PDB file of N, CA and C in Angstrom:
ATOM      1  N   PRO A   1       4.849   8.677   7.452  1.00  0.00           N
ATOM      2  CA  PRO A   1       3.902   7.733   8.053  1.00  0.00           C
ATOM      3  C   PRO A   1       4.313   6.288   7.805  1.00  0.00           C
ATOM      4  N   GLY A   2       5.372   5.864   8.496  1.00  0.00           N
ATOM      5  CA  GLY A   2       5.829   4.503   8.330  1.00  0.00           C
ATOM      6  C   GLY A   2       5.853   3.747   9.622  1.00  0.00           C
ATOM      7  N   PHE A   3       5.149   4.244  10.630  1.00  0.00           N
ATOM      8  CA  PHE A   3       5.142   3.583  11.936  1.00  0.00           C
ATOM      9  C   PHE A   3       4.401   2.273  11.809  1.00  0.00           C
ATOM     10  N   VAL A   4       5.112   1.193  12.048  1.00  0.00           N
ATOM     11  CA  VAL A   4       4.537  -0.143  11.877  1.00  0.00           C
ATOM     12  C   VAL A   4       3.316  -0.345  12.792  1.00  0.00           C
ATOM     13  N   SER A   5       3.432   0.035  14.050  1.00  0.00           N
ATOM     14  CA  SER A   5       2.337  -0.213  14.973  1.00  0.00           C
ATOM     15  C   SER A   5       1.058   0.455  14.507  1.00  0.00           C
ATOM     16  N   ASN A   6       1.129   1.706  14.070  1.00  0.00           N
ATOM     17  CA  ASN A   6      -0.057   2.410  13.598  1.00  0.00           C
ATOM     18  C   ASN A   6      -0.567   1.816  12.285  1.00  0.00           C
ATOM     19  N   ARG A   7       0.338   1.403  11.413  1.00  0.00           N
ATOM     20  CA  ARG A   7      -0.103   0.832  10.137  1.00  0.00           C
ATOM     21  C   ARG A   7      -0.833  -0.487  10.313  1.00  0.00           C
ATOM     22  N   VAL A   8      -0.481  -1.240  11.349  1.00  0.00           N
ATOM     23  CA  VAL A   8      -1.153  -2.511  11.625  1.00  0.00           C
ATOM     24  C   VAL A   8      -2.407  -2.310  12.473  1.00  0.00           C
ATOM     25  N   LEU A   9      -2.298  -1.502  13.504  1.00  0.00           N
ATOM     26  CA  LEU A   9      -3.391  -1.338  14.466  1.00  0.00           C
ATOM     27  C   LEU A   9      -4.589  -0.567  13.926  1.00  0.00           C
ATOM     28  N   MET A  10      -4.336   0.512  13.248  1.00  0.00           N
ATOM     29  CA  MET A  10      -5.455   1.370  12.840  1.00  0.00           C
ATOM     30  C   MET A  10      -6.442   0.718  11.888  1.00  0.00           C
ATOM     31  N   PRO A  11      -5.961  -0.099  10.902  1.00  0.00           N
ATOM     32  CA  PRO A  11      -6.973  -0.785  10.078  1.00  0.00           C
ATOM     33  C   PRO A  11      -7.837  -1.794  10.889  1.00  0.00           C
ATOM     34  N   MET A  12      -7.230  -2.425  11.920  1.00  0.00           N
ATOM     35  CA  MET A  12      -8.001  -3.320  12.746  1.00  0.00           C
ATOM     36  C   MET A  12      -9.081  -2.539  13.544  1.00  0.00           C
ATOM     37  N   ILE A  13      -8.696  -1.432  14.114  1.00  0.00           N
ATOM     38  CA  ILE A  13      -9.638  -0.615  14.834  1.00  0.00           C
ATOM     39  C   ILE A  13     -10.712  -0.135  13.912  1.00  0.00           C
ATOM     40  N   ASN A  14     -10.303   0.352  12.742  1.00  0.00           N
ATOM     41  CA  ASN A  14     -11.264   0.893  11.757  1.00  0.00           C
ATOM     42  C   ASN A  14     -12.258  -0.173  11.320  1.00  0.00           C
ATOM     43  N   GLU A  15     -11.782  -1.400  11.082  1.00  0.00           N
ATOM     44  CA  GLU A  15     -12.691  -2.465  10.660  1.00  0.00           C
ATOM     45  C   GLU A  15     -13.648  -2.821  11.783  1.00  0.00           C
ATOM     46  N   GLY A  16     -13.187  -2.794  13.038  1.00  0.00           N
ATOM     47  CA  GLY A  16     -14.116  -2.976  14.139  1.00  0.00           C
ATOM     48  C   GLY A  16     -15.186  -1.915  14.179  1.00  0.00           C
ATOM     49  N   ILE A  17     -14.798  -0.700  13.877  1.00  0.00           N
ATOM     50  CA  ILE A  17     -15.789   0.398  13.848  1.00  0.00           C
ATOM     51  C   ILE A  17     -16.800   0.193  12.727  1.00  0.00           C
ATOM     52  N   TYR A  18     -16.304  -0.255  11.561  1.00  0.00           N
ATOM     53  CA  TYR A  18     -17.223  -0.560  10.470  1.00  0.00           C
ATOM     54  C   TYR A  18     -18.192  -1.693  10.845  1.00  0.00           C
ATOM     55  N   CYS A  19     -17.724  -2.691  11.599  1.00  0.00           N
ATOM     56  CA  CYS A  19     -18.641  -3.756  12.028  1.00  0.00           C
ATOM     57  C   CYS A  19     -19.774  -3.208  12.896  1.00  0.00           C
ATOM     58  N   VAL A  20     -19.485  -2.252  13.753  1.00  0.00           N
ATOM     59  CA  VAL A  20     -20.503  -1.592  14.563  1.00  0.00           C
ATOM     60  C   VAL A  20     -21.399  -0.750  13.678  1.00  0.00           C
ATOM     61  N   GLN A  21     -20.806   0.052  12.813  1.00  0.00           N
ATOM     62  CA  GLN A  21     -21.542   0.949  11.944  1.00  0.00           C
ATOM     63  C   GLN A  21     -22.545   0.195  11.055  1.00  0.00           C
ATOM     64  N   GLU A  22     -22.122  -0.975  10.555  1.00  0.00           N
ATOM     65  CA  GLU A  22     -22.949  -1.738   9.644  1.00  0.00           C
ATOM     66  C   GLU A  22     -23.894  -2.693  10.378  1.00  0.00           C
ATOM     67  N   GLY A  23     -23.889  -2.669  11.686  1.00  0.00           N
ATOM     68  CA  GLY A  23     -24.802  -3.514  12.460  1.00  0.00           C
ATOM     69  C   GLY A  23     -24.403  -4.979  12.523  1.00  0.00           C
ATOM     70  N   ILE A  24     -23.180  -5.264  12.173  1.00  0.00           N
ATOM     71  CA  ILE A  24     -22.693  -6.654  12.196  1.00  0.00           C
ATOM     72  C   ILE A  24     -22.481  -7.127  13.633  1.00  0.00           C
ATOM     73  N   ALA A  25     -22.015  -6.220  14.474  1.00  0.00           N
ATOM     74  CA  ALA A  25     -21.738  -6.566  15.879  1.00  0.00           C
ATOM     75  C   ALA A  25     -21.811  -5.287  16.715  1.00  0.00           C
ATOM     76  N   THR A  26     -21.982  -5.475  17.998  1.00  0.00           N
ATOM     77  CA  THR A  26     -21.871  -4.369  18.931  1.00  0.00           C
ATOM     78  C   THR A  26     -20.394  -4.134  19.256  1.00  0.00           C
ATOM     79  N   ALA A  27     -20.094  -3.041  19.914  1.00  0.00           N
ATOM     80  CA  ALA A  27     -18.722  -2.789  20.347  1.00  0.00           C
ATOM     81  C   ALA A  27     -18.259  -3.918  21.261  1.00  0.00           C
ATOM     82  N   GLU A  28     -19.128  -4.302  22.151  1.00  0.00           N
ATOM     83  CA  GLU A  28     -18.828  -5.404  23.070  1.00  0.00           C
ATOM     84  C   GLU A  28     -18.554  -6.705  22.303  1.00  0.00           C
ATOM     85  N   GLY A  29     -19.357  -6.930  21.272  1.00  0.00           N
ATOM     86  CA  GLY A  29     -19.176  -8.153  20.461  1.00  0.00           C
ATOM     87  C   GLY A  29     -17.849  -8.167  19.745  1.00  0.00           C
ATOM     88  N   VAL A  30     -17.477  -7.048  19.142  1.00  0.00           N
ATOM     89  CA  VAL A  30     -16.193  -6.947  18.424  1.00  0.00           C
ATOM     90  C   VAL A  30     -15.068  -7.220  19.402  1.00  0.00           C
ATOM     91  N   ASP A  31     -15.100  -6.564  20.564  1.00  0.00           N
ATOM     92  CA  ASP A  31     -14.021  -6.724  21.553  1.00  0.00           C
ATOM     93  C   ASP A  31     -13.966  -8.129  22.083  1.00  0.00           C
ATOM     94  N   THR A  32     -15.091  -8.737  22.340  1.00  0.00           N
ATOM     95  CA  THR A  32     -15.139 -10.109  22.873  1.00  0.00           C
ATOM     96  C   THR A  32     -14.541 -11.101  21.875  1.00  0.00           C
ATOM     97  N   VAL A  33     -14.876 -10.938  20.602  1.00  0.00           N
ATOM     98  CA  VAL A  33     -14.320 -11.834  19.565  1.00  0.00           C
ATOM     99  C   VAL A  33     -12.800 -11.747  19.559  1.00  0.00           C
ATOM    100  N   MET A  34     -12.274 -10.538  19.626  1.00  0.00           N
ATOM    101  CA  MET A  34     -10.818 -10.369  19.548  1.00  0.00           C
ATOM    102  C   MET A  34     -10.127 -10.821  20.825  1.00  0.00           C
ATOM    103  N   LYS A  35     -10.787 -10.640  21.969  1.00  0.00           N
ATOM    104  CA  LYS A  35     -10.179 -11.080  23.236  1.00  0.00           C
ATOM    105  C   LYS A  35     -10.193 -12.605  23.371  1.00  0.00           C
ATOM    106  N   LEU A  36     -11.350 -13.181  23.127  1.00  0.00           N
ATOM    107  CA  LEU A  36     -11.511 -14.630  23.286  1.00  0.00           C
ATOM    108  C   LEU A  36     -10.959 -15.408  22.100  1.00  0.00           C
ATOM    109  N   GLY A  37     -11.300 -14.947  20.897  1.00  0.00           N
ATOM    110  CA  GLY A  37     -10.890 -15.708  19.714  1.00  0.00           C
ATOM    111  C   GLY A  37      -9.461 -15.484  19.271  1.00  0.00           C
ATOM    112  N   MET A  38      -8.953 -14.303  19.520  1.00  0.00           N
ATOM    113  CA  MET A  38      -7.587 -13.979  19.066  1.00  0.00           C
ATOM    114  C   MET A  38      -6.607 -13.787  20.216  1.00  0.00           C
ATOM    115  N   LYS A  39      -7.122 -13.941  21.455  1.00  0.00           N
ATOM    116  CA  LYS A  39      -6.277 -13.818  22.647  1.00  0.00           C
ATOM    117  C   LYS A  39      -5.670 -12.412  22.825  1.00  0.00           C
ATOM    118  N   HIS A  40      -6.342 -11.385  22.325  1.00  0.00           N
ATOM    119  CA  HIS A  40      -5.874 -10.017  22.600  1.00  0.00           C
ATOM    120  C   HIS A  40      -6.263  -9.628  24.015  1.00  0.00           C
ATOM    121  N   PRO A  41      -5.395  -8.971  24.747  1.00  0.00           N
ATOM    122  CA  PRO A  41      -5.717  -8.583  26.100  1.00  0.00           C
ATOM    123  C   PRO A  41      -6.782  -7.507  26.210  1.00  0.00           C
ATOM    124  N   LEU A  42      -6.942  -6.728  25.142  1.00  0.00           N
ATOM    125  CA  LEU A  42      -7.935  -5.655  25.101  1.00  0.00           C
ATOM    126  C   LEU A  42      -8.531  -5.630  23.720  1.00  0.00           C
ATOM    127  N   GLY A  43      -9.813  -5.506  23.611  1.00  0.00           N
ATOM    128  CA  GLY A  43     -10.444  -5.426  22.301  1.00  0.00           C
ATOM    129  C   GLY A  43     -10.102  -4.139  21.570  1.00  0.00           C
ATOM    130  N   PRO A  44     -10.219  -4.124  20.252  1.00  0.00           N
ATOM    131  CA  PRO A  44      -9.826  -2.957  19.481  1.00  0.00           C
ATOM    132  C   PRO A  44     -10.633  -1.702  19.779  1.00  0.00           C
ATOM    133  N   LEU A  45     -11.886  -1.834  20.110  1.00  0.00           N
ATOM    134  CA  LEU A  45     -12.695  -0.639  20.341  1.00  0.00           C
ATOM    135  C   LEU A  45     -12.468  -0.087  21.759  1.00  0.00           C
ATOM    136  N   ALA A  46     -12.233  -0.966  22.717  1.00  0.00           N
ATOM    137  CA  ALA A  46     -11.814  -0.499  24.053  1.00  0.00           C
ATOM    138  C   ALA A  46     -10.451   0.166  23.944  1.00  0.00           C
ATOM    139  N   LEU A  47      -9.576  -0.376  23.141  1.00  0.00           N
ATOM    140  CA  LEU A  47      -8.265   0.209  22.943  1.00  0.00           C
ATOM    141  C   LEU A  47      -8.392   1.587  22.288  1.00  0.00           C
ATOM    142  N   ALA A  48      -9.273   1.692  21.291  1.00  0.00           N
ATOM    143  CA  ALA A  48      -9.494   2.984  20.622  1.00  0.00           C
ATOM    144  C   ALA A  48      -9.981   4.010  21.643  1.00  0.00           C
ATOM    145  N   ASP A  49     -10.874   3.615  22.514  1.00  0.00           N
ATOM    146  CA  ASP A  49     -11.336   4.527  23.577  1.00  0.00           C
ATOM    147  C   ASP A  49     -10.189   4.942  24.460  1.00  0.00           C
ATOM    148  N   LEU A  50      -9.274   4.039  24.778  1.00  0.00           N
ATOM    149  CA  LEU A  50      -8.115   4.358  25.612  1.00  0.00           C
ATOM    150  C   LEU A  50      -7.172   5.317  24.910  1.00  0.00           C
ATOM    151  N   ILE A  51      -6.918   5.055  23.654  1.00  0.00           N
ATOM    152  CA  ILE A  51      -6.023   5.939  22.856  1.00  0.00           C
ATOM    153  C   ILE A  51      -6.649   7.295  22.698  1.00  0.00           C
ATOM    154  N   GLY A  52      -7.937   7.321  22.475  1.00  0.00           N
ATOM    155  CA  GLY A  52      -8.671   8.538  22.184  1.00  0.00           C
ATOM    156  C   GLY A  52      -9.157   8.446  20.753  1.00  0.00           C
ATOM    157  N   LEU A  53     -10.467   8.559  20.566  1.00  0.00           N
ATOM    158  CA  LEU A  53     -11.020   8.433  19.231  1.00  0.00           C
ATOM    159  C   LEU A  53     -10.545   9.559  18.310  1.00  0.00           C
ATOM    160  N   ASP A  54     -10.316  10.734  18.883  1.00  0.00           N
ATOM    161  CA  ASP A  54      -9.771  11.855  18.090  1.00  0.00           C
ATOM    162  C   ASP A  54      -8.334  11.542  17.638  1.00  0.00           C
ATOM    163  N   VAL A  55      -7.566  10.914  18.481  1.00  0.00           N
ATOM    164  CA  VAL A  55      -6.205  10.539  18.133  1.00  0.00           C
ATOM    165  C   VAL A  55      -6.219   9.484  17.047  1.00  0.00           C
ATOM    166  N   CYS A  56      -7.081   8.480  17.190  1.00  0.00           N
ATOM    167  CA  CYS A  56      -7.191   7.434  16.158  1.00  0.00           C
ATOM    168  C   CYS A  56      -7.580   8.064  14.826  1.00  0.00           C
ATOM    169  N   LEU A  57      -8.516   8.964  14.845  1.00  0.00           N
ATOM    170  CA  LEU A  57      -8.983   9.648  13.601  1.00  0.00           C
ATOM    171  C   LEU A  57      -7.811  10.400  12.985  1.00  0.00           C
ATOM    172  N   ALA A  58      -7.075  11.133  13.787  1.00  0.00           N
ATOM    173  CA  ALA A  58      -5.921  11.901  13.255  1.00  0.00           C
ATOM    174  C   ALA A  58      -4.864  10.976  12.640  1.00  0.00           C
ATOM    175  N   ILE A  59      -4.578   9.875  13.304  1.00  0.00           N
ATOM    176  CA  ILE A  59      -3.595   8.926  12.790  1.00  0.00           C
ATOM    177  C   ILE A  59      -4.066   8.357  11.456  1.00  0.00           C
ATOM    178  N   MET A  60      -5.343   7.966  11.382  1.00  0.00           N
ATOM    179  CA  MET A  60      -5.878   7.388  10.125  1.00  0.00           C
ATOM    180  C   MET A  60      -5.760   8.430   8.991  1.00  0.00           C
ATOM    181  N   LYS A  61      -6.077   9.659   9.283  1.00  0.00           N
ATOM    182  CA  LYS A  61      -6.022  10.708   8.246  1.00  0.00           C
ATOM    183  C   LYS A  61      -4.591  10.911   7.733  1.00  0.00           C
ATOM    184  N   VAL A  62      -3.616  10.910   8.663  1.00  0.00           N
ATOM    185  CA  VAL A  62      -2.234  11.056   8.285  1.00  0.00           C
ATOM    186  C   VAL A  62      -1.765   9.869   7.423  1.00  0.00           C
ATOM    187  N   LEU A  63      -2.158   8.672   7.818  1.00  0.00           N
ATOM    188  CA  LEU A  63      -1.796   7.466   7.058  1.00  0.00           C
ATOM    189  C   LEU A  63      -2.445   7.466   5.701  1.00  0.00           C
ATOM    190  N   GLN A  64      -3.717   7.847   5.643  1.00  0.00           N
ATOM    191  CA  GLN A  64      -4.407   7.851   4.339  1.00  0.00           C
ATOM    192  C   GLN A  64      -3.782   8.885   3.418  1.00  0.00           C
ATOM    193  N   GLU A  65      -3.542  10.073   3.904  1.00  0.00           N
ATOM    194  CA  GLU A  65      -2.961  11.106   3.058  1.00  0.00           C
ATOM    195  C   GLU A  65      -1.480  10.805   2.682  1.00  0.00           C
ATOM    196  N   GLY A  66      -0.733  10.292   3.661  1.00  0.00           N
ATOM    197  CA  GLY A  66       0.686  10.014   3.406  1.00  0.00           C
ATOM    198  C   GLY A  66       0.919   8.803   2.518  1.00  0.00           C
ATOM    199  N   LEU A  67       0.133   7.800   2.649  1.00  0.00           N
ATOM    200  CA  LEU A  67       0.314   6.582   1.878  1.00  0.00           C
ATOM    201  C   LEU A  67      -0.670   6.446   0.727  1.00  0.00           C
ATOM    202  N   ASP A  68      -1.700   7.279   0.706  1.00  0.00           N
ATOM    203  CA  ASP A  68      -2.708   7.241  -0.338  1.00  0.00           C
ATOM    204  C   ASP A  68      -3.292   5.837  -0.524  1.00  0.00           C
ATOM    205  N   VAL A  69      -3.684   5.258   0.600  1.00  0.00           N
ATOM    206  CA  VAL A  69      -4.238   3.892   0.610  1.00  0.00           C
ATOM    207  C   VAL A  69      -5.614   3.967   1.290  1.00  0.00           C
ATOM    208  N   GLN A  70      -6.647   3.401   0.625  1.00  0.00           N
ATOM    209  CA  GLN A  70      -8.013   3.486   1.125  1.00  0.00           C
ATOM    210  C   GLN A  70      -8.248   2.753   2.409  1.00  0.00           C
ATOM    211  N   LYS A  71      -7.425   1.741   2.722  1.00  0.00           N
ATOM    212  CA  LYS A  71      -7.655   1.003   3.963  1.00  0.00           C
ATOM    213  C   LYS A  71      -7.533   1.876   5.206  1.00  0.00           C
ATOM    214  N   TYR A  72      -6.914   3.056   5.071  1.00  0.00           N
ATOM    215  CA  TYR A  72      -6.780   3.942   6.208  1.00  0.00           C
ATOM    216  C   TYR A  72      -7.870   4.993   6.255  1.00  0.00           C
ATOM    217  N   ARG A  73      -8.813   4.962   5.312  1.00  0.00           N
ATOM    218  CA  ARG A  73      -9.917   5.933   5.293  1.00  0.00           C
ATOM    219  C   ARG A  73     -10.798   5.687   6.504  1.00  0.00           C
ATOM    220  N   PRO A  74     -10.909   6.713   7.376  1.00  0.00           N
ATOM    221  CA  PRO A  74     -11.689   6.506   8.632  1.00  0.00           C
ATOM    222  C   PRO A  74     -13.168   6.186   8.357  1.00  0.00           C
ATOM    223  N   ALA A  75     -13.679   5.301   9.175  1.00  0.00           N
ATOM    224  CA  ALA A  75     -15.114   4.969   9.099  1.00  0.00           C
ATOM    225  C   ALA A  75     -15.947   6.213   9.418  1.00  0.00           C
ATOM    226  N   PRO A  76     -17.018   6.419   8.689  1.00  0.00           N
ATOM    227  CA  PRO A  76     -17.876   7.571   8.982  1.00  0.00           C
ATOM    228  C   PRO A  76     -18.355   7.630  10.428  1.00  0.00           C
ATOM    229  N   LEU A  77     -18.577   6.487  11.061  1.00  0.00           N
ATOM    230  CA  LEU A  77     -19.016   6.469  12.447  1.00  0.00           C
ATOM    231  C   LEU A  77     -17.936   7.078  13.361  1.00  0.00           C
ATOM    232  N   LEU A  78     -16.673   6.823  13.078  1.00  0.00           N
ATOM    233  CA  LEU A  78     -15.597   7.410  13.859  1.00  0.00           C
ATOM    234  C   LEU A  78     -15.593   8.936  13.705  1.00  0.00           C
ATOM    235  N   GLU A  79     -15.734   9.397  12.497  1.00  0.00           N
ATOM    236  CA  GLU A  79     -15.783  10.851  12.253  1.00  0.00           C
ATOM    237  C   GLU A  79     -16.958  11.481  13.005  1.00  0.00           C
ATOM    238  N   LYS A  80     -18.108  10.799  12.956  1.00  0.00           N
ATOM    239  CA  LYS A  80     -19.311  11.326  13.642  1.00  0.00           C
ATOM    240  C   LYS A  80     -19.112  11.396  15.135  1.00  0.00           C
ATOM    241  N   MET A  81     -18.554  10.339  15.711  1.00  0.00           N
ATOM    242  CA  MET A  81     -18.371  10.314  17.146  1.00  0.00           C
ATOM    243  C   MET A  81     -17.401  11.405  17.593  1.00  0.00           C
ATOM    244  N   VAL A  82     -16.344  11.602  16.902  1.00  0.00           N
ATOM    245  CA  VAL A  82     -15.387  12.644  17.240  1.00  0.00           C
ATOM    246  C   VAL A  82     -16.029  14.023  17.113  1.00  0.00           C
ATOM    247  N   ALA A  83     -16.806  14.243  16.031  1.00  0.00           N
ATOM    248  CA  ALA A  83     -17.494  15.519  15.861  1.00  0.00           C
ATOM    249  C   ALA A  83     -18.451  15.801  17.004  1.00  0.00           C
ATOM    250  N   GLN A  84     -19.012  14.743  17.595  1.00  0.00           N
ATOM    251  CA  GLN A  84     -19.982  14.871  18.702  1.00  0.00           C
ATOM    252  C   GLN A  84     -19.290  14.949  20.053  1.00  0.00           C
ATOM    253  N   GLY A  85     -17.970  14.928  20.067  1.00  0.00           N
ATOM    254  CA  GLY A  85     -17.238  15.010  21.315  1.00  0.00           C
ATOM    255  C   GLY A  85     -17.074  13.701  22.058  1.00  0.00           C
ATOM    256  N   GLN A  86     -17.453  12.605  21.403  1.00  0.00           N
ATOM    257  CA  GLN A  86     -17.311  11.281  22.010  1.00  0.00           C
ATOM    258  C   GLN A  86     -15.881  10.775  21.714  1.00  0.00           C
ATOM    259  N   LEU A  87     -14.956  11.047  22.616  1.00  0.00           N
ATOM    260  CA  LEU A  87     -13.577  10.814  22.360  1.00  0.00           C
ATOM    261  C   LEU A  87     -12.991   9.608  23.061  1.00  0.00           C
ATOM    262  N   GLY A  88     -13.832   8.882  23.821  1.00  0.00           N
ATOM    263  CA  GLY A  88     -13.378   7.718  24.551  1.00  0.00           C
ATOM    264  C   GLY A  88     -13.257   8.048  26.033  1.00  0.00           C
ATOM    265  N   ARG A  89     -12.289   7.440  26.660  1.00  0.00           N
ATOM    266  CA  ARG A  89     -12.129   7.604  28.120  1.00  0.00           C
ATOM    267  C   ARG A  89     -11.986   9.072  28.537  1.00  0.00           C
ATOM    268  N   LYS A  90     -11.222   9.835  27.771  1.00  0.00           N
ATOM    269  CA  LYS A  90     -10.946  11.205  28.195  1.00  0.00           C
ATOM    270  C   LYS A  90     -12.171  12.090  28.221  1.00  0.00           C
ATOM    271  N   SER A  91     -13.215  11.750  27.444  1.00  0.00           N
ATOM    272  CA  SER A  91     -14.418  12.566  27.458  1.00  0.00           C
ATOM    273  C   SER A  91     -15.555  11.870  28.252  1.00  0.00           C
ATOM    274  N   GLY A  92     -15.307  10.635  28.669  1.00  0.00           N
ATOM    275  CA  GLY A  92     -16.314   9.875  29.413  1.00  0.00           C
ATOM    276  C   GLY A  92     -17.249   9.049  28.533  1.00  0.00           C
ATOM    277  N   GLN A  93     -17.142   9.209  27.235  1.00  0.00           N
ATOM    278  CA  GLN A  93     -18.005   8.480  26.309  1.00  0.00           C
ATOM    279  C   GLN A  93     -17.260   8.223  25.017  1.00  0.00           C
ATOM    280  N   GLY A  94     -17.349   6.976  24.581  1.00  0.00           N
ATOM    281  CA  GLY A  94     -16.789   6.556  23.299  1.00  0.00           C
ATOM    282  C   GLY A  94     -17.632   5.364  22.884  1.00  0.00           C
ATOM    283  N   PHE A  95     -16.970   4.243  22.604  1.00  0.00           N
ATOM    284  CA  PHE A  95     -17.722   3.022  22.348  1.00  0.00           C
ATOM    285  C   PHE A  95     -18.280   2.467  23.674  1.00  0.00           C
ATOM    286  N   TYR A  96     -17.735   2.938  24.752  1.00  0.00           N
ATOM    287  CA  TYR A  96     -18.192   2.592  26.092  1.00  0.00           C
ATOM    288  C   TYR A  96     -18.381   3.868  26.878  1.00  0.00           C
ATOM    289  N   ALA A  97     -19.173   3.787  27.957  1.00  0.00           N
ATOM    290  CA  ALA A  97     -19.368   4.939  28.855  1.00  0.00           C
ATOM    291  C   ALA A  97     -18.402   4.777  30.044  1.00  0.00           C
ATOM    292  N   TYR A  98     -17.792   5.869  30.424  1.00  0.00           N
ATOM    293  CA  TYR A  98     -16.823   5.855  31.517  1.00  0.00           C
ATOM    294  C   TYR A  98     -17.259   6.818  32.617  1.00  0.00           C
ATOM    295  N   ARG A  99     -17.011   6.396  33.847  1.00  0.00           N
ATOM    296  CA  ARG A  99     -17.258   7.249  35.012  1.00  0.00           C
ATOM    297  C   ARG A  99     -15.908   7.604  35.635  1.00  0.00           C
ATOM    298  N   ASP A 100     -15.929   8.669  36.410  1.00  0.00           N
ATOM    299  CA  ASP A 100     -14.674   9.087  37.093  1.00  0.00           C
ATOM    300  C   ASP A 100     -14.217   8.059  38.047  1.00  0.00           C
TER     301      ASP A 100
END
């Protein structure tokens, strides 16, 4: 588990999820801050929906187990959403709702 992109991206996505879980911001709020304030073309939660929440969860688990670092511990909200079948774009529901 030494893929730089995953090691950098997943903690950002996870922290965005924690912001939603803790009521600090909505998914839209997190994404807007990162798009407008940080000039990201896509917010982290919209990106997580695109990647697949199940894929994000699997990557975080591999990183946490392989590196034994708590920053990769998946947010409980992510685990809950995946368990409920909310996988993002591929399931039609994630942090956003998608239509065909």
